[in-house]
């Protein structure tokens, strides 16, 4: 079923260009969501690794320092 949008209370089907633009927006939104999730995972991993290194007396890398203490 084709997508529609509301114009002055009337449902109007998307044009081919609008459909393509909407598909691109949805694809980009999915990419952005995954990028944010990956960044959060990396931050948590750096935090965990940094804590373990601190307990072991090892040197931290910049990402671990940032994750533990902020910028």
PDB file of N, CA and C in Angstrom:
ATOM      1  N   UNK A   1       0.848  -1.181   0.000  1.00  0.00           N
ATOM      2  CA  UNK A   1       0.000   0.000   0.000  1.00  0.00           C
ATOM      3  C   UNK A   1       0.886   1.233   0.000  1.00  0.00           C
ATOM      4  N   UNK A   2       0.560   2.163  -0.843  1.00  0.00           N
ATOM      5  CA  UNK A   2       1.340   3.388  -0.961  1.00  0.00           C
ATOM      6  C   UNK A   2       1.124   4.274   0.257  1.00  0.00           C
ATOM      7  N   UNK A   3       2.150   4.993   0.599  1.00  0.00           N
ATOM      8  CA  UNK A   3       2.032   5.916   1.734  1.00  0.00           C
ATOM      9  C   UNK A   3       1.244   7.144   1.317  1.00  0.00           C
ATOM     10  N   UNK A   4       0.632   7.739   2.325  1.00  0.00           N
ATOM     11  CA  UNK A   4      -0.162   8.937   2.089  1.00  0.00           C
ATOM     12  C   UNK A   4       0.203   9.988   3.121  1.00  0.00           C
ATOM     13  N   UNK A   5      -0.106  11.220   2.785  1.00  0.00           N
ATOM     14  CA  UNK A   5       0.033  12.291   3.754  1.00  0.00           C
ATOM     15  C   UNK A   5      -1.229  13.125   3.715  1.00  0.00           C
ATOM     16  N   UNK A   6      -1.425  13.888   4.764  1.00  0.00           N
ATOM     17  CA  UNK A   6      -2.645  14.648   4.941  1.00  0.00           C
ATOM     18  C   UNK A   6      -2.428  16.082   4.472  1.00  0.00           C
ATOM     19  N   UNK A   7      -3.197  16.492   3.493  1.00  0.00           N
ATOM     20  CA  UNK A   7      -3.145  17.874   3.016  1.00  0.00           C
ATOM     21  C   UNK A   7      -4.547  18.457   3.171  1.00  0.00           C
ATOM     22  N   UNK A   8      -4.661  19.404   4.095  1.00  0.00           N
ATOM     23  CA  UNK A   8      -5.944  20.059   4.375  1.00  0.00           C
ATOM     24  C   UNK A   8      -7.070  19.060   4.631  1.00  0.00           C
ATOM     25  N   UNK A   9      -6.773  18.020   5.412  1.00  0.00           N
ATOM     26  CA  UNK A   9      -7.785  17.050   5.777  1.00  0.00           C
ATOM     27  C   UNK A   9      -8.039  15.976   4.736  1.00  0.00           C
ATOM     28  N   UNK A  10      -7.316  15.995   3.644  1.00  0.00           N
ATOM     29  CA  UNK A  10      -7.498  15.012   2.587  1.00  0.00           C
ATOM     30  C   UNK A  10      -6.255  14.138   2.482  1.00  0.00           C
ATOM     31  N   UNK A  11      -6.455  12.824   2.436  1.00  0.00           N
ATOM     32  CA  UNK A  11      -5.336  11.920   2.262  1.00  0.00           C
ATOM     33  C   UNK A  11      -4.912  11.922   0.797  1.00  0.00           C
ATOM     34  N   UNK A  12      -3.622  12.219   0.596  1.00  0.00           N
ATOM     35  CA  UNK A  12      -3.076  12.299  -0.753  1.00  0.00           C
ATOM     36  C   UNK A  12      -1.893  11.347  -0.840  1.00  0.00           C
ATOM     37  N   UNK A  13      -1.855  10.484  -1.857  1.00  0.00           N
ATOM     38  CA  UNK A  13      -0.717   9.566  -1.965  1.00  0.00           C
ATOM     39  C   UNK A  13       0.582  10.316  -2.272  1.00  0.00           C
ATOM     40  N   UNK A  14       1.684   9.760  -1.772  1.00  0.00           N
ATOM     41  CA  UNK A  14       2.996  10.337  -2.060  1.00  0.00           C
ATOM     42  C   UNK A  14       3.281  10.222  -3.552  1.00  0.00           C
ATOM     43  N   UNK A  15       3.998  11.193  -4.081  1.00  0.00           N
ATOM     44  CA  UNK A  15       4.518  11.073  -5.439  1.00  0.00           C
ATOM     45  C   UNK A  15       5.728  10.150  -5.381  1.00  0.00           C
ATOM     46  N   UNK A  16       6.214   9.735  -6.525  1.00  0.00           N
ATOM     47  CA  UNK A  16       7.394   8.867  -6.566  1.00  0.00           C
ATOM     48  C   UNK A  16       8.585   9.552  -5.903  1.00  0.00           C
ATOM     49  N   UNK A  17       8.737  10.856  -6.122  1.00  0.00           N
ATOM     50  CA  UNK A  17       9.834  11.606  -5.527  1.00  0.00           C
ATOM     51  C   UNK A  17       9.694  11.686  -4.008  1.00  0.00           C
ATOM     52  N   UNK A  18       8.474  11.927  -3.526  1.00  0.00           N
ATOM     53  CA  UNK A  18       8.233  11.984  -2.086  1.00  0.00           C
ATOM     54  C   UNK A  18       8.475  10.622  -1.447  1.00  0.00           C
ATOM     55  N   UNK A  19       8.064   9.573  -2.140  1.00  0.00           N
ATOM     56  CA  UNK A  19       8.266   8.206  -1.641  1.00  0.00           C
ATOM     57  C   UNK A  19       9.757   7.908  -1.523  1.00  0.00           C
ATOM     58  N   UNK A  20      10.530   8.271  -2.544  1.00  0.00           N
ATOM     59  CA  UNK A  20      11.975   8.044  -2.530  1.00  0.00           C
ATOM     60  C   UNK A  20      12.649   8.859  -1.431  1.00  0.00           C
ATOM     61  N   UNK A  21      12.221  10.111  -1.260  1.00  0.00           N
ATOM     62  CA  UNK A  21      12.795  10.970  -0.223  1.00  0.00           C
ATOM     63  C   UNK A  21      12.489  10.403   1.163  1.00  0.00           C
ATOM     64  N   UNK A  22      11.284   9.919   1.355  1.00  0.00           N
ATOM     65  CA  UNK A  22      10.896   9.348   2.653  1.00  0.00           C
ATOM     66  C   UNK A  22      11.686   8.069   2.936  1.00  0.00           C
ATOM     67  N   UNK A  23      11.868   7.241   1.902  1.00  0.00           N
ATOM     68  CA  UNK A  23      12.673   6.027   2.068  1.00  0.00           C
ATOM     69  C   UNK A  23      14.095   6.386   2.486  1.00  0.00           C
ATOM     70  N   UNK A  24      14.658   7.428   1.866  1.00  0.00           N
ATOM     71  CA  UNK A  24      16.015   7.861   2.209  1.00  0.00           C
ATOM     72  C   UNK A  24      16.077   8.385   3.639  1.00  0.00           C
ATOM     73  N   UNK A  25      15.068   9.136   4.058  1.00  0.00           N
ATOM     74  CA  UNK A  25      15.011   9.649   5.429  1.00  0.00           C
ATOM     75  C   UNK A  25      14.949   8.504   6.435  1.00  0.00           C
ATOM     76  N   UNK A  26      14.137   7.501   6.155  1.00  0.00           N
ATOM     77  CA  UNK A  26      14.009   6.360   7.061  1.00  0.00           C
ATOM     78  C   UNK A  26      15.308   5.567   7.133  1.00  0.00           C
ATOM     79  N   UNK A  27      15.974   5.405   5.998  1.00  0.00           N
ATOM     80  CA  UNK A  27      17.249   4.692   5.980  1.00  0.00           C
ATOM     81  C   UNK A  27      18.296   5.450   6.783  1.00  0.00           C
ATOM     82  N   UNK A  28      18.336   6.771   6.620  1.00  0.00           N
ATOM     83  CA  UNK A  28      19.297   7.581   7.360  1.00  0.00           C
ATOM     84  C   UNK A  28      19.000   7.554   8.850  1.00  0.00           C
ATOM     85  N   UNK A  29      17.731   7.559   9.216  1.00  0.00           N
ATOM     86  CA  UNK A  29      17.354   7.492  10.629  1.00  0.00           C
ATOM     87  C   UNK A  29      17.815   6.178  11.249  1.00  0.00           C
ATOM     88  N   UNK A  30      17.693   5.095  10.510  1.00  0.00           N
ATOM     89  CA  UNK A  30      18.152   3.799  11.013  1.00  0.00           C
ATOM     90  C   UNK A  30      19.663   3.793  11.195  1.00  0.00           C
ATOM     91  N   UNK A  31      20.379   4.389  10.240  1.00  0.00           N
ATOM     92  CA  UNK A  31      21.840   4.483  10.338  1.00  0.00           C
ATOM     93  C   UNK A  31      22.232   5.323  11.551  1.00  0.00           C
ATOM     94  N   UNK A  32      21.568   6.464  11.733  1.00  0.00           N
ATOM     95  CA  UNK A  32      21.864   7.340  12.866  1.00  0.00           C
ATOM     96  C   UNK A  32      21.606   6.634  14.194  1.00  0.00           C
ATOM     97  N   UNK A  33      20.509   5.899  14.279  1.00  0.00           N
ATOM     98  CA  UNK A  33      20.165   5.176  15.506  1.00  0.00           C
ATOM     99  C   UNK A  33      21.233   4.132  15.819  1.00  0.00           C
ATOM    100  N   UNK A  34      21.685   3.403  14.796  1.00  0.00           N
ATOM    101  CA  UNK A  34      22.708   2.388  15.009  1.00  0.00           C
ATOM    102  C   UNK A  34      24.038   3.026  15.403  1.00  0.00           C
ATOM    103  N   UNK A  35      24.369   4.170  14.802  1.00  0.00           N
ATOM    104  CA  UNK A  35      25.603   4.879  15.136  1.00  0.00           C
ATOM    105  C   UNK A  35      25.598   5.308  16.599  1.00  0.00           C
ATOM    106  N   UNK A  36      24.476   5.821  17.068  1.00  0.00           N
ATOM    107  CA  UNK A  36      24.354   6.220  18.474  1.00  0.00           C
ATOM    108  C   UNK A  36      24.490   5.014  19.401  1.00  0.00           C
ATOM    109  N   UNK A  37      23.868   3.909  19.030  1.00  0.00           N
ATOM    110  CA  UNK A  37      23.956   2.698  19.847  1.00  0.00           C
ATOM    111  C   UNK A  37      25.396   2.191  19.891  1.00  0.00           C
ATOM    112  N   UNK A  38      26.084   2.216  18.751  1.00  0.00           N
ATOM    113  CA  UNK A  38      27.479   1.775  18.696  1.00  0.00           C
ATOM    114  C   UNK A  38      28.374   2.670  19.558  1.00  0.00           C
ATOM    115  N   UNK A  39      28.127   3.971  19.519  1.00  0.00           N
ATOM    116  CA  UNK A  39      28.923   4.909  20.311  1.00  0.00           C
ATOM    117  C   UNK A  39      28.711   4.663  21.806  1.00  0.00           C
ATOM    118  N   UNK A  40      27.481   4.412  22.200  1.00  0.00           N
ATOM    119  CA  UNK A  40      27.186   4.143  23.613  1.00  0.00           C
ATOM    120  C   UNK A  40      27.845   2.840  24.058  1.00  0.00           C
ATOM    121  N   UNK A  41      27.806   1.834  23.202  1.00  0.00           N
ATOM    122  CA  UNK A  41      28.448   0.559  23.518  1.00  0.00           C
ATOM    123  C   UNK A  41      29.953   0.742  23.675  1.00  0.00           C
ATOM    124  N   UNK A  42      30.555   1.499  22.765  1.00  0.00           N
ATOM    125  CA  UNK A  42      32.001   1.749  22.842  1.00  0.00           C
ATOM    126  C   UNK A  42      32.349   2.495  24.126  1.00  0.00           C
ATOM    127  N   UNK A  43      31.516   3.459  24.503  1.00  0.00           N
ATOM    128  CA  UNK A  43      31.770   4.222  25.727  1.00  0.00           C
ATOM    129  C   UNK A  43      31.693   3.309  26.951  1.00  0.00           C
ATOM    130  N   UNK A  44      30.697   2.442  26.978  1.00  0.00           N
ATOM    131  CA  UNK A  44      30.565   1.517  28.103  1.00  0.00           C
ATOM    132  C   UNK A  44      31.733   0.539  28.151  1.00  0.00           C
ATOM    133  N   UNK A  45      32.165   0.071  26.984  1.00  0.00           N
ATOM    134  CA  UNK A  45      33.312  -0.834  26.931  1.00  0.00           C
ATOM    135  C   UNK A  45      34.577  -0.143  27.427  1.00  0.00           C
ATOM    136  N   UNK A  46      34.778   1.109  27.029  1.00  0.00           N
ATOM    137  CA  UNK A  46      35.947   1.865  27.488  1.00  0.00           C
ATOM    138  C   UNK A  46      35.890   2.107  28.995  1.00  0.00           C
ATOM    139  N   UNK A  47      34.698   2.350  29.505  1.00  0.00           N
ATOM    140  CA  UNK A  47      34.538   2.572  30.942  1.00  0.00           C
ATOM    141  C   UNK A  47      34.890   1.298  31.716  1.00  0.00           C
ATOM    142  N   UNK A  48      34.386   0.179  31.250  1.00  0.00           N
ATOM    143  CA  UNK A  48      34.667  -1.097  31.905  1.00  0.00           C
ATOM    144  C   UNK A  48      36.152  -1.420  31.838  1.00  0.00           C
ATOM    145  N   UNK A  49      36.736  -1.239  30.660  1.00  0.00           N
ATOM    146  CA  UNK A  49      38.162  -1.510  30.481  1.00  0.00           C
ATOM    147  C   UNK A  49      39.008  -0.573  31.340  1.00  0.00           C
ATOM    148  N   UNK A  50      38.628   0.691  31.394  1.00  0.00           N
ATOM    149  CA  UNK A  50      39.364   1.670  32.194  1.00  0.00           C
ATOM    150  C   UNK A  50      39.345   1.326  33.674  1.00  0.00           C
ATOM    151  N   UNK A  51      38.189   0.911  34.164  1.00  0.00           N
ATOM    152  CA  UNK A  51      38.087   0.532  35.576  1.00  0.00           C
ATOM    153  C   UNK A  51      38.986  -0.661  35.885  1.00  0.00           C
ATOM    154  N   UNK A  52      38.980  -1.642  34.988  1.00  0.00           N
ATOM    155  CA  UNK A  52      39.818  -2.825  35.189  1.00  0.00           C
ATOM    156  C   UNK A  52      41.292  -2.448  35.174  1.00  0.00           C
ATOM    157  N   UNK A  53      41.677  -1.557  34.262  1.00  0.00           N
ATOM    158  CA  UNK A  53      43.073  -1.139  34.186  1.00  0.00           C
ATOM    159  C   UNK A  53      43.485  -0.349  35.427  1.00  0.00           C
ATOM    160  N   UNK A  54      42.593   0.493  35.929  1.00  0.00           N
ATOM    161  CA  UNK A  54      42.908   1.247  37.139  1.00  0.00           C
ATOM    162  C   UNK A  54      43.140   0.298  38.320  1.00  0.00           C
ATOM    163  N   UNK A  55      42.298  -0.704  38.431  1.00  0.00           N
ATOM    164  CA  UNK A  55      42.451  -1.672  39.521  1.00  0.00           C
ATOM    165  C   UNK A  55      43.745  -2.457  39.387  1.00  0.00           C
ATOM    166  N   UNK A  56      44.167  -2.719  38.132  1.00  0.00           N
ATOM    167  CA  UNK A  56      45.385  -3.493  37.890  1.00  0.00           C
ATOM    168  C   UNK A  56      46.632  -2.614  37.862  1.00  0.00           C
ATOM    169  N   UNK A  57      46.451  -1.299  37.917  1.00  0.00           N
ATOM    170  CA  UNK A  57      47.582  -0.385  37.902  1.00  0.00           C
ATOM    171  C   UNK A  57      48.174  -0.177  36.517  1.00  0.00           C
ATOM    172  N   UNK A  58      47.409  -0.435  35.489  1.00  0.00           N
ATOM    173  CA  UNK A  58      47.883  -0.258  34.123  1.00  0.00           C
ATOM    174  C   UNK A  58      47.542   1.140  33.612  1.00  0.00           C
ATOM    175  N   UNK A  59      48.224   1.542  32.528  1.00  0.00           N
ATOM    176  CA  UNK A  59      47.975   2.851  31.916  1.00  0.00           C
ATOM    177  C   UNK A  59      46.665   2.823  31.130  1.00  0.00           C
ATOM    178  N   UNK A  60      45.967   3.956  31.142  1.00  0.00           N
ATOM    179  CA  UNK A  60      44.713   4.094  30.402  1.00  0.00           C
ATOM    180  C   UNK A  60      44.968   4.779  29.068  1.00  0.00           C
ATOM    181  N   UNK A  61      44.149   4.443  28.056  1.00  0.00           N
ATOM    182  CA  UNK A  61      44.229   5.201  26.805  1.00  0.00           C
ATOM    183  C   UNK A  61      43.273   6.392  26.892  1.00  0.00           C
ATOM    184  N   UNK A  62      43.344   7.268  25.918  1.00  0.00           N
ATOM    185  CA  UNK A  62      42.531   8.499  25.950  1.00  0.00           C
ATOM    186  C   UNK A  62      41.038   8.215  25.993  1.00  0.00           C
ATOM    187  N   UNK A  63      40.574   7.212  25.238  1.00  0.00           N
ATOM    188  CA  UNK A  63      39.144   6.896  25.207  1.00  0.00           C
ATOM    189  C   UNK A  63      38.660   6.431  26.575  1.00  0.00           C
ATOM    190  N   UNK A  64      39.496   5.654  27.266  1.00  0.00           N
ATOM    191  CA  UNK A  64      39.127   5.174  28.595  1.00  0.00           C
ATOM    192  C   UNK A  64      39.084   6.315  29.607  1.00  0.00           C
ATOM    193  N   UNK A  65      40.044   7.211  29.530  1.00  0.00           N
ATOM    194  CA  UNK A  65      40.058   8.367  30.429  1.00  0.00           C
ATOM    195  C   UNK A  65      38.811   9.211  30.202  1.00  0.00           C
ATOM    196  N   UNK A  66      38.491   9.445  28.933  1.00  0.00           N
ATOM    197  CA  UNK A  66      37.314  10.235  28.598  1.00  0.00           C
ATOM    198  C   UNK A  66      36.044   9.563  29.101  1.00  0.00           C
ATOM    199  N   UNK A  67      35.932   8.247  28.937  1.00  0.00           N
ATOM    200  CA  UNK A  67      34.753   7.526  29.379  1.00  0.00           C
ATOM    201  C   UNK A  67      34.592   7.573  30.892  1.00  0.00           C
ATOM    202  N   UNK A  68      35.705   7.512  31.602  1.00  0.00           N
ATOM    203  CA  UNK A  68      35.645   7.506  33.069  1.00  0.00           C
ATOM    204  C   UNK A  68      35.469   8.887  33.665  1.00  0.00           C
ATOM    205  N   UNK A  69      36.161   9.860  33.113  1.00  0.00           N
ATOM    206  CA  UNK A  69      36.212  11.184  33.752  1.00  0.00           C
ATOM    207  C   UNK A  69      35.601  12.306  32.924  1.00  0.00           C
ATOM    208  N   UNK A  70      35.154  12.032  31.726  1.00  0.00           N
ATOM    209  CA  UNK A  70      34.573  13.061  30.861  1.00  0.00           C
ATOM    210  C   UNK A  70      35.637  13.914  30.207  1.00  0.00           C
ATOM    211  N   UNK A  71      35.197  14.761  29.313  1.00  0.00           N
ATOM    212  CA  UNK A  71      36.133  15.645  28.590  1.00  0.00           C
ATOM    213  C   UNK A  71      36.243  16.990  29.263  1.00  0.00           C
TER     214      UNK A  71
END
